[in-house]
Amino acid sequence: MYPNLYYFFQDIFGIKLSFLQIFQSFGVLVAISFLFAAYFFSKELQRKEGEGLISVGEKKYLKGEAPKISEIVLSSVFGFILFYKLVYIAFNFSAFSGDTQGFILSLQGNLMGGIAGAALLGWMRYSEMKKAQLEKPEGVTVKFHPFEHVPNMTLIAAVAGILGAKIFHNLENMDEFMRDPVGSLLSFSGLTMYGGLIVAAFSVIYYARKNGITTAHLIDACAPSLMLAYGTGRIGCHIAGDGDWGIDNLSAKPSWFFLPDWAWAYTYPHNVNNVGIPIPGCEGKYCSVLENPVFPTPIYEAIICIGLFFVLWSIRKKITTPGIMFSLYLILNGTERYFIEKIKINNKYDIFGWHITQSELIAIMLFMLGITGIFYFRKKSPSSTLPKGKGD
């Protein structure tokens, strides 16, 4: 396992670069997942615009306004936080590399560095606006293509996704949250993927509606990207060993299982959560290995979901009824997650004698929502081959 890039470079290339300890493997893979998703999401929005399914929006603003206090203050606050941390990290790099996440989320920092940063970025923002100021501000209308909103939507999805993942995880592990509320909220470990997906989806849809992007075409455009991001994100779960693995697997690998032995049963040495028993002779922060091998379920989900991405991407042009593509995504994702839960470790709820996990419950809801969506969107647009340019 590679809890951070330091372990990866040490194992693969035999070199030790201490500064790489600040780059957590899971975080790097999540960032890559967002970049992949943003690329394919943008390509699909461009295609839909080219076919007349979504239109170019307009944005009005005053050109040459006098410097605004609110924008200067916002820049100053950002500068304070940024330099408050950066200067402190520069003088305490060893401690920072040993506990990157804890360091970033703590209240520790350099006050003078923060003040200098606030002054610098506040002055830069003031100078920028002053330079562009006109004697008489004039109204300007510019066209805004839907795909140009992708960077903003990606950022919104990232922030909302992390918040949603933490909220759902703490709801699922209330006893852990009650023991250490602050630590549970600030820790990057313990993320429920579905929680992130749900909160991020509502946040992005709200942003898109405010900017005049039709919801049905928006969710269709992002469906393949969501599947890809989920799959590549699961690779990060496996590489880091973040605890999102399956139940104990002590069975011999069957003859039909064509993947390597470690893909059948794995012990996750050096896992980022330090779960298991000590590794003999190991020195450092991550020196644990599971006592019994388990099903490496993140790998199964990565293979399945990346494969489903190619399926959705290959049929996207053939499905012309708005909303159907996203409904299909919900069905596929819900089905995949429901069955993978059968070999995963998760807390179970007792609902009228039915023992079910939070993820199974959400997977069923997504599946049913997908089925309902197909009927709803087909009824809304009865023809399954709508003429291009006449979609909702």
Protein backbone atom coordinates (compact mmCIF):
# COMPACT_ATOMS: atom_id res chain seq x y z
CA MET A 1 0.00 0.00 0.00
CA TYR A 2 1.03 3.58 -0.62
CA PRO A 3 -0.56 5.91 1.98
CA ASN A 4 1.29 8.77 0.31
CA LEU A 5 3.56 9.31 -2.69
CA TYR A 6 6.69 8.87 -0.56
CA TYR A 7 5.92 5.16 -0.21
CA PHE A 8 5.16 4.87 -3.92
CA PHE A 9 8.48 6.36 -5.08
CA GLN A 10 10.40 4.38 -2.46
CA ASP A 11 8.87 1.07 -3.58
CA ILE A 12 8.84 1.64 -7.35
CA PHE A 13 12.01 3.68 -7.88
CA GLY A 14 13.95 2.97 -4.69
CA ILE A 15 14.34 6.66 -3.82
CA LYS A 16 13.31 8.47 -0.66
CA LEU A 17 11.92 11.99 -1.13
CA SER A 18 10.63 13.27 2.21
CA PHE A 19 8.58 16.11 0.74
CA LEU A 20 6.36 13.58 -1.07
CA GLN A 21 4.85 12.60 2.28
CA ILE A 22 2.57 15.63 2.02
CA PHE A 23 0.84 14.17 -1.05
CA GLN A 24 -1.72 11.64 0.18
CA SER A 25 -2.38 8.89 -2.37
CA PHE A 26 -6.14 9.01 -1.93
CA GLY A 27 -6.20 12.79 -2.36
CA VAL A 28 -4.06 12.61 -5.50
CA LEU A 29 -6.35 9.99 -7.08
CA VAL A 30 -9.45 11.98 -6.14
CA ALA A 31 -7.93 15.07 -7.79
CA ILE A 32 -7.17 13.03 -10.92
CA SER A 33 -10.74 11.72 -10.87
CA PHE A 34 -12.14 15.24 -10.85
CA LEU A 35 -9.87 16.23 -13.75
CA PHE A 36 -10.99 13.22 -15.82
CA ALA A 37 -14.63 13.92 -15.01
CA ALA A 38 -14.30 17.61 -15.86
CA TYR A 39 -12.70 16.79 -19.23
CA PHE A 40 -15.39 14.37 -20.40
CA PHE A 41 -18.17 16.50 -18.90
CA SER A 42 -16.89 19.50 -20.85
CA LYS A 43 -16.65 17.49 -24.08
CA GLU A 44 -20.24 16.32 -23.72
CA LEU A 45 -21.55 19.82 -23.03
CA GLN A 46 -19.74 21.05 -26.13
CA ARG A 47 -21.33 18.28 -28.19
CA LYS A 48 -24.80 19.10 -26.89
CA GLU A 49 -24.29 22.78 -27.62
CA GLY A 50 -23.10 21.98 -31.13
CA GLU A 51 -26.24 19.93 -31.75
CA GLY A 52 -28.48 22.70 -30.46
CA LEU A 53 -29.65 20.80 -27.40
CA ILE A 54 -28.41 23.45 -24.99
CA SER A 55 -28.00 27.14 -25.70
CA VAL A 56 -25.31 29.72 -25.06
CA GLY A 57 -26.09 31.93 -22.06
CA GLU A 58 -25.49 35.61 -21.47
CA LYS A 59 -23.84 37.34 -18.57
CA LYS A 60 -24.27 41.04 -17.82
CA TYR A 61 -21.90 43.11 -15.70
CA LEU A 62 -20.63 46.65 -15.23
CA LYS A 63 -17.23 47.20 -16.81
CA GLY A 64 -14.89 49.64 -15.12
CA GLU A 65 -16.52 49.80 -11.66
CA ALA A 66 -14.66 51.42 -8.76
CA PRO A 67 -12.87 49.02 -6.41
CA LYS A 68 -15.38 47.21 -4.18
CA ILE A 69 -14.66 46.91 -0.49
CA SER A 70 -16.28 43.46 -0.38
CA GLU A 71 -13.93 42.04 -3.03
CA ILE A 72 -10.85 43.58 -1.40
CA VAL A 73 -11.86 42.16 1.99
CA LEU A 74 -12.48 38.72 0.46
CA SER A 75 -9.05 38.74 -1.18
CA SER A 76 -7.47 39.85 2.09
CA VAL A 77 -9.14 37.07 4.04
CA PHE A 78 -7.97 34.51 1.50
CA GLY A 79 -4.44 35.96 1.64
CA PHE A 80 -4.41 35.79 5.43
CA ILE A 81 -5.46 32.13 5.55
CA LEU A 82 -3.07 31.13 2.76
CA PHE A 83 0.03 32.83 4.13
CA TYR A 84 -0.91 32.04 7.75
CA LYS A 85 -0.45 28.39 6.85
CA LEU A 86 2.29 28.60 4.21
CA VAL A 87 4.76 30.58 6.32
CA TYR A 88 4.19 28.30 9.30
CA ILE A 89 4.69 25.22 7.12
CA ALA A 90 7.93 26.67 5.72
CA PHE A 91 9.38 26.87 9.23
CA ASN A 92 7.94 23.54 10.42
CA PHE A 93 8.16 21.34 7.35
CA SER A 94 9.22 18.16 9.18
CA ALA A 95 6.17 18.23 11.43
CA PHE A 96 3.98 19.13 8.44
CA SER A 97 5.18 16.18 6.34
CA GLY A 98 4.57 13.82 9.25
CA ASP A 99 0.90 14.80 9.65
CA THR A 100 -0.16 16.79 6.60
CA GLN A 101 -3.90 16.62 7.09
CA GLY A 102 -3.81 17.37 10.80
CA PHE A 103 -1.46 20.27 10.17
CA ILE A 104 -3.64 21.85 7.50
CA LEU A 105 -6.85 21.48 9.51
CA SER A 106 -5.38 22.70 12.80
CA LEU A 107 -5.47 26.32 14.01
CA GLN A 108 -1.68 26.51 13.94
CA GLY A 109 -0.13 29.16 11.74
CA ASN A 110 2.13 32.21 11.54
CA LEU A 111 0.30 35.42 12.49
CA MET A 112 2.79 37.78 10.86
CA GLY A 113 2.71 35.70 7.70
CA GLY A 114 -1.08 35.91 7.69
CA ILE A 115 -1.08 39.70 8.10
CA ALA A 116 1.47 40.08 5.31
CA GLY A 117 -0.58 37.83 3.05
CA ALA A 118 -3.78 39.76 3.75
CA ALA A 119 -2.08 43.05 2.95
CA LEU A 120 -0.46 41.70 -0.23
CA LEU A 121 -3.54 40.09 -1.79
CA GLY A 122 -5.83 42.93 -0.69
CA TRP A 123 -3.50 45.49 -2.31
CA MET A 124 -3.18 43.38 -5.48
CA ARG A 125 -6.96 43.16 -5.84
CA TYR A 126 -7.36 46.90 -5.23
CA SER A 127 -4.67 47.74 -7.80
CA GLU A 128 -6.21 45.42 -10.37
CA MET A 129 -9.67 46.96 -10.03
CA LYS A 130 -8.28 50.52 -9.90
CA LYS A 131 -6.36 49.96 -13.10
CA ALA A 132 -9.51 48.74 -14.88
CA GLN A 133 -11.72 51.52 -13.49
CA LEU A 134 -13.44 53.78 -16.03
CA GLU A 135 -14.65 57.32 -15.52
CA LYS A 136 -18.12 56.11 -16.41
CA PRO A 137 -18.77 52.36 -15.93
CA GLU A 138 -20.58 50.79 -18.87
CA GLY A 139 -22.89 47.78 -19.03
CA VAL A 140 -21.46 44.84 -20.94
CA THR A 141 -23.15 41.63 -22.08
CA VAL A 142 -20.96 38.63 -22.88
CA LYS A 143 -21.89 35.19 -24.11
CA PHE A 144 -21.10 32.27 -21.84
CA HIS A 145 -20.92 28.74 -23.22
CA PRO A 146 -22.21 26.01 -20.88
CA PHE A 147 -18.87 24.16 -20.91
CA GLU A 148 -17.17 27.30 -19.59
CA HIS A 149 -19.00 26.69 -16.30
CA VAL A 150 -17.27 23.32 -15.85
CA PRO A 151 -14.35 24.64 -13.71
CA ASN A 152 -16.80 26.28 -11.29
CA MET A 153 -19.03 23.22 -11.21
CA THR A 154 -16.01 20.98 -10.61
CA LEU A 155 -14.89 23.11 -7.66
CA ILE A 156 -18.43 23.16 -6.25
CA ALA A 157 -18.68 19.38 -6.64
CA ALA A 158 -15.32 18.86 -4.89
CA VAL A 159 -16.17 21.00 -1.85
CA ALA A 160 -19.79 19.85 -1.57
CA GLY A 161 -18.72 16.25 -2.17
CA ILE A 162 -16.25 16.22 0.71
CA LEU A 163 -18.79 17.86 3.04
CA GLY A 164 -21.50 15.43 2.02
CA ALA A 165 -19.19 12.44 2.40
CA LYS A 166 -18.29 13.53 5.95
CA ILE A 167 -21.90 14.20 6.92
CA PHE A 168 -23.14 10.80 5.74
CA HIS A 169 -20.17 9.01 7.30
CA ASN A 170 -20.82 10.62 10.68
CA LEU A 171 -24.51 9.76 10.45
CA GLU A 172 -23.54 6.16 9.79
CA ASN A 173 -21.01 6.14 12.65
CA MET A 174 -22.74 8.27 15.26
CA ASP A 175 -20.96 6.58 18.18
CA GLU A 176 -17.57 7.49 16.69
CA PHE A 177 -18.76 11.05 16.09
CA MET A 178 -20.03 11.46 19.67
CA ARG A 179 -16.67 10.34 21.08
CA ASP A 180 -14.73 12.94 19.09
CA PRO A 181 -17.00 15.42 17.23
CA VAL A 182 -14.23 17.84 16.22
CA GLY A 183 -11.83 15.12 15.12
CA SER A 184 -14.54 13.32 13.14
CA LEU A 185 -15.50 16.49 11.27
CA LEU A 186 -11.96 17.62 10.49
CA SER A 187 -10.43 14.25 9.61
CA PHE A 188 -10.14 13.32 5.91
CA SER A 189 -10.55 9.65 6.77
CA GLY A 190 -14.02 8.22 6.84
CA LEU A 191 -15.76 9.40 3.68
CA THR A 192 -19.05 7.97 2.43
CA MET A 193 -18.95 8.15 -1.36
CA TYR A 194 -22.72 8.25 -1.79
CA GLY A 195 -23.03 11.13 0.65
CA GLY A 196 -20.57 13.11 -1.42
CA LEU A 197 -22.36 12.22 -4.66
CA ILE A 198 -25.78 13.32 -3.38
CA VAL A 199 -24.70 16.65 -1.89
CA ALA A 200 -22.44 17.45 -4.86
CA ALA A 201 -25.24 16.66 -7.33
CA PHE A 202 -27.75 19.01 -5.71
CA SER A 203 -25.14 21.76 -5.41
CA VAL A 204 -24.11 21.55 -9.07
CA ILE A 205 -27.73 21.40 -10.28
CA TYR A 206 -28.55 24.51 -8.24
CA TYR A 207 -25.57 26.35 -9.76
CA ALA A 208 -26.50 25.24 -13.29
CA ARG A 209 -30.13 26.35 -12.95
CA LYS A 210 -28.97 29.77 -11.76
CA ASN A 211 -26.90 30.02 -14.94
CA GLY A 212 -29.63 28.92 -17.31
CA ILE A 213 -28.41 25.38 -18.06
CA THR A 214 -31.24 22.89 -18.57
CA THR A 215 -31.19 20.29 -15.79
CA ALA A 216 -32.07 17.25 -17.94
CA HIS A 217 -29.24 17.85 -20.41
CA LEU A 218 -26.84 18.78 -17.60
CA ILE A 219 -27.32 15.51 -15.72
CA ASP A 220 -27.17 13.51 -18.96
CA ALA A 221 -23.88 15.17 -19.88
CA CYS A 222 -22.27 14.39 -16.55
CA ALA A 223 -23.54 10.77 -16.22
CA PRO A 224 -20.55 9.06 -17.93
CA SER A 225 -18.13 11.37 -16.09
CA LEU A 226 -19.66 10.52 -12.72
CA MET A 227 -19.20 6.83 -13.39
CA LEU A 228 -15.57 7.37 -14.41
CA ALA A 229 -14.80 9.55 -11.39
CA TYR A 230 -16.32 6.97 -9.05
CA GLY A 231 -14.21 4.23 -10.59
CA THR A 232 -10.90 6.10 -10.52
CA GLY A 233 -11.66 7.34 -7.01
CA ARG A 234 -11.97 3.72 -5.88
CA ILE A 235 -8.43 3.11 -7.14
CA GLY A 236 -7.35 5.73 -4.61
CA CYS A 237 -9.25 3.89 -1.87
CA HIS A 238 -7.36 0.70 -2.68
CA ILE A 239 -3.91 2.24 -3.05
CA ALA A 240 -4.18 4.14 0.23
CA GLY A 241 -5.92 1.32 2.10
CA ASP A 242 -8.48 3.69 3.58
CA GLY A 243 -10.59 1.00 5.25
CA ASP A 244 -13.14 0.68 2.47
CA TRP A 245 -12.39 -2.99 1.95
CA GLY A 246 -14.48 -6.12 2.15
CA ILE A 247 -15.08 -8.87 4.67
CA ASP A 248 -12.48 -11.51 5.55
CA ASN A 249 -11.73 -13.85 2.65
CA LEU A 250 -9.97 -17.03 3.76
CA SER A 251 -11.10 -19.09 0.76
CA ALA A 252 -8.69 -20.33 -1.88
CA LYS A 253 -8.80 -18.47 -5.17
CA PRO A 254 -11.17 -20.29 -7.55
CA SER A 255 -10.01 -21.38 -10.99
CA TRP A 256 -12.41 -19.02 -12.78
CA PHE A 257 -10.93 -15.91 -11.09
CA PHE A 258 -8.51 -14.62 -13.72
CA LEU A 259 -7.06 -11.66 -11.75
CA PRO A 260 -3.88 -11.91 -9.60
CA ASP A 261 -3.96 -13.46 -6.12
CA TRP A 262 -3.94 -10.07 -4.39
CA ALA A 263 -7.17 -9.15 -6.19
CA TRP A 264 -8.89 -12.15 -4.58
CA ALA A 265 -7.68 -11.68 -1.01
CA TYR A 266 -5.45 -8.89 0.32
CA THR A 267 -4.09 -7.79 3.70
CA TYR A 268 -3.50 -4.08 2.96
CA PRO A 269 -0.01 -3.63 4.46
CA HIS A 270 0.90 -0.03 5.38
CA ASN A 271 -2.75 1.01 5.13
CA VAL A 272 -3.36 4.69 5.81
CA ASN A 273 -5.73 3.98 8.73
CA ASN A 274 -3.14 1.86 10.58
CA VAL A 275 -5.68 -0.92 11.02
CA GLY A 276 -4.51 -4.44 11.91
CA ILE A 277 -1.40 -5.87 13.53
CA PRO A 278 2.17 -4.43 13.53
CA ILE A 279 4.42 -5.29 10.59
CA PRO A 280 7.63 -6.89 11.93
CA GLY A 281 10.67 -4.66 11.44
CA CYS A 282 8.64 -1.78 10.01
CA GLU A 283 9.55 1.75 11.04
CA GLY A 284 7.48 4.83 10.43
CA LYS A 285 3.90 5.99 10.72
CA TYR A 286 2.14 3.35 8.62
CA CYS A 287 3.21 -0.04 9.96
CA SER A 288 0.03 -2.10 10.15
CA VAL A 289 -1.30 -5.02 8.15
CA LEU A 290 -4.65 -6.79 8.40
CA GLU A 291 -4.56 -9.99 10.41
CA ASN A 292 -6.76 -11.78 7.88
CA PRO A 293 -6.95 -11.16 4.11
CA VAL A 294 -10.12 -9.46 2.86
CA PHE A 295 -11.93 -8.94 -0.42
CA PRO A 296 -10.29 -5.86 -2.05
CA THR A 297 -13.68 -4.44 -3.02
CA PRO A 298 -12.34 -1.02 -4.17
CA ILE A 299 -10.59 -2.79 -7.05
CA TYR A 300 -13.79 -4.60 -8.04
CA GLU A 301 -15.70 -1.32 -8.06
CA ALA A 302 -12.94 0.42 -10.02
CA ILE A 303 -12.99 -2.24 -12.75
CA ILE A 304 -16.79 -2.36 -12.94
CA CYS A 305 -17.38 1.40 -12.92
CA ILE A 306 -14.63 2.27 -15.39
CA GLY A 307 -16.09 -0.41 -17.65
CA LEU A 308 -19.57 1.08 -17.22
CA PHE A 309 -18.15 4.49 -18.13
CA PHE A 310 -17.11 3.14 -21.54
CA VAL A 311 -20.59 1.64 -21.97
CA LEU A 312 -22.31 4.95 -21.19
CA TRP A 313 -19.87 6.93 -23.32
CA SER A 314 -20.43 4.64 -26.31
CA ILE A 315 -24.24 4.95 -26.23
CA ARG A 316 -24.58 8.62 -25.27
CA LYS A 317 -25.34 9.77 -28.83
CA LYS A 318 -27.94 7.07 -29.36
CA ILE A 319 -30.08 8.09 -26.37
CA THR A 320 -31.82 11.27 -27.45
CA THR A 321 -34.58 11.59 -24.84
CA PRO A 322 -33.33 14.08 -22.20
CA GLY A 323 -32.94 12.53 -18.75
CA ILE A 324 -32.75 8.89 -19.88
CA MET A 325 -28.95 8.73 -19.82
CA PHE A 326 -28.78 9.90 -16.21
CA SER A 327 -31.60 7.54 -15.23
CA LEU A 328 -29.60 4.68 -16.73
CA TYR A 329 -26.55 5.81 -14.76
CA LEU A 330 -28.57 5.68 -11.52
CA ILE A 331 -29.75 2.15 -12.30
CA LEU A 332 -26.26 0.88 -13.12
CA ASN A 333 -24.59 2.59 -10.18
CA GLY A 334 -27.27 1.48 -7.72
CA THR A 335 -27.11 -2.12 -8.95
CA GLU A 336 -23.31 -2.25 -8.75
CA ARG A 337 -23.18 -0.80 -5.27
CA TYR A 338 -26.01 -2.95 -3.87
CA PHE A 339 -24.30 -6.20 -4.79
CA ILE A 340 -20.78 -5.11 -3.80
CA GLU A 341 -22.16 -4.31 -0.33
CA LYS A 342 -22.73 -8.04 0.21
CA ILE A 343 -18.99 -8.54 0.69
CA LYS A 344 -18.14 -5.20 2.33
CA ILE A 345 -17.73 -4.17 5.96
CA ASN A 346 -20.35 -1.59 6.91
CA ASN A 347 -22.68 -0.81 9.78
CA LYS A 348 -26.13 -2.29 9.30
CA TYR A 349 -29.51 -0.88 10.26
CA ASP A 350 -32.40 -3.01 11.48
CA ILE A 351 -35.47 -1.86 9.54
CA PHE A 352 -38.50 -4.01 10.39
CA GLY A 353 -36.24 -7.03 10.77
CA TRP A 354 -34.39 -6.28 7.53
CA HIS A 355 -30.66 -5.80 8.11
CA ILE A 356 -29.35 -3.33 5.57
CA THR A 357 -26.42 -0.91 5.27
CA GLN A 358 -26.72 2.79 4.53
CA SER A 359 -25.14 2.25 1.12
CA GLU A 360 -27.52 -0.61 0.27
CA LEU A 361 -30.47 1.59 1.20
CA ILE A 362 -29.20 4.46 -0.95
CA ALA A 363 -28.37 2.04 -3.80
CA ILE A 364 -31.98 0.77 -3.79
CA MET A 365 -33.27 4.34 -3.76
CA LEU A 366 -31.01 5.27 -6.70
CA PHE A 367 -32.15 2.20 -8.62
CA MET A 368 -35.82 3.02 -8.05
CA LEU A 369 -35.19 6.67 -8.89
CA GLY A 370 -33.56 5.58 -12.15
CA ILE A 371 -36.52 3.37 -13.08
CA THR A 372 -38.94 6.17 -12.21
CA GLY A 373 -36.81 8.62 -14.21
CA ILE A 374 -37.03 6.50 -17.36
CA PHE A 375 -40.82 6.42 -17.20
CA TYR A 376 -41.03 10.12 -16.33
CA PHE A 377 -38.69 11.37 -19.06
CA ARG A 378 -40.20 9.07 -21.71
CA LYS A 379 -43.66 10.35 -20.82
CA LYS A 380 -42.38 13.93 -20.93
CA SER A 381 -40.77 13.32 -24.33
CA PRO A 382 -42.67 10.32 -25.78
CA SER A 383 -40.47 9.91 -28.85
CA SER A 384 -37.24 8.05 -28.05
CA THR A 385 -35.62 9.67 -31.07
CA LEU A 386 -36.29 13.36 -30.57
CA PRO A 387 -35.19 15.62 -33.45
CA LYS A 388 -31.95 17.33 -32.59
CA GLY A 389 -32.49 20.78 -31.16
CA LYS A 390 -35.96 20.00 -29.78
CA GLY A 391 -34.91 18.45 -26.48
CA ASP A 392 -36.12 19.90 -23.18
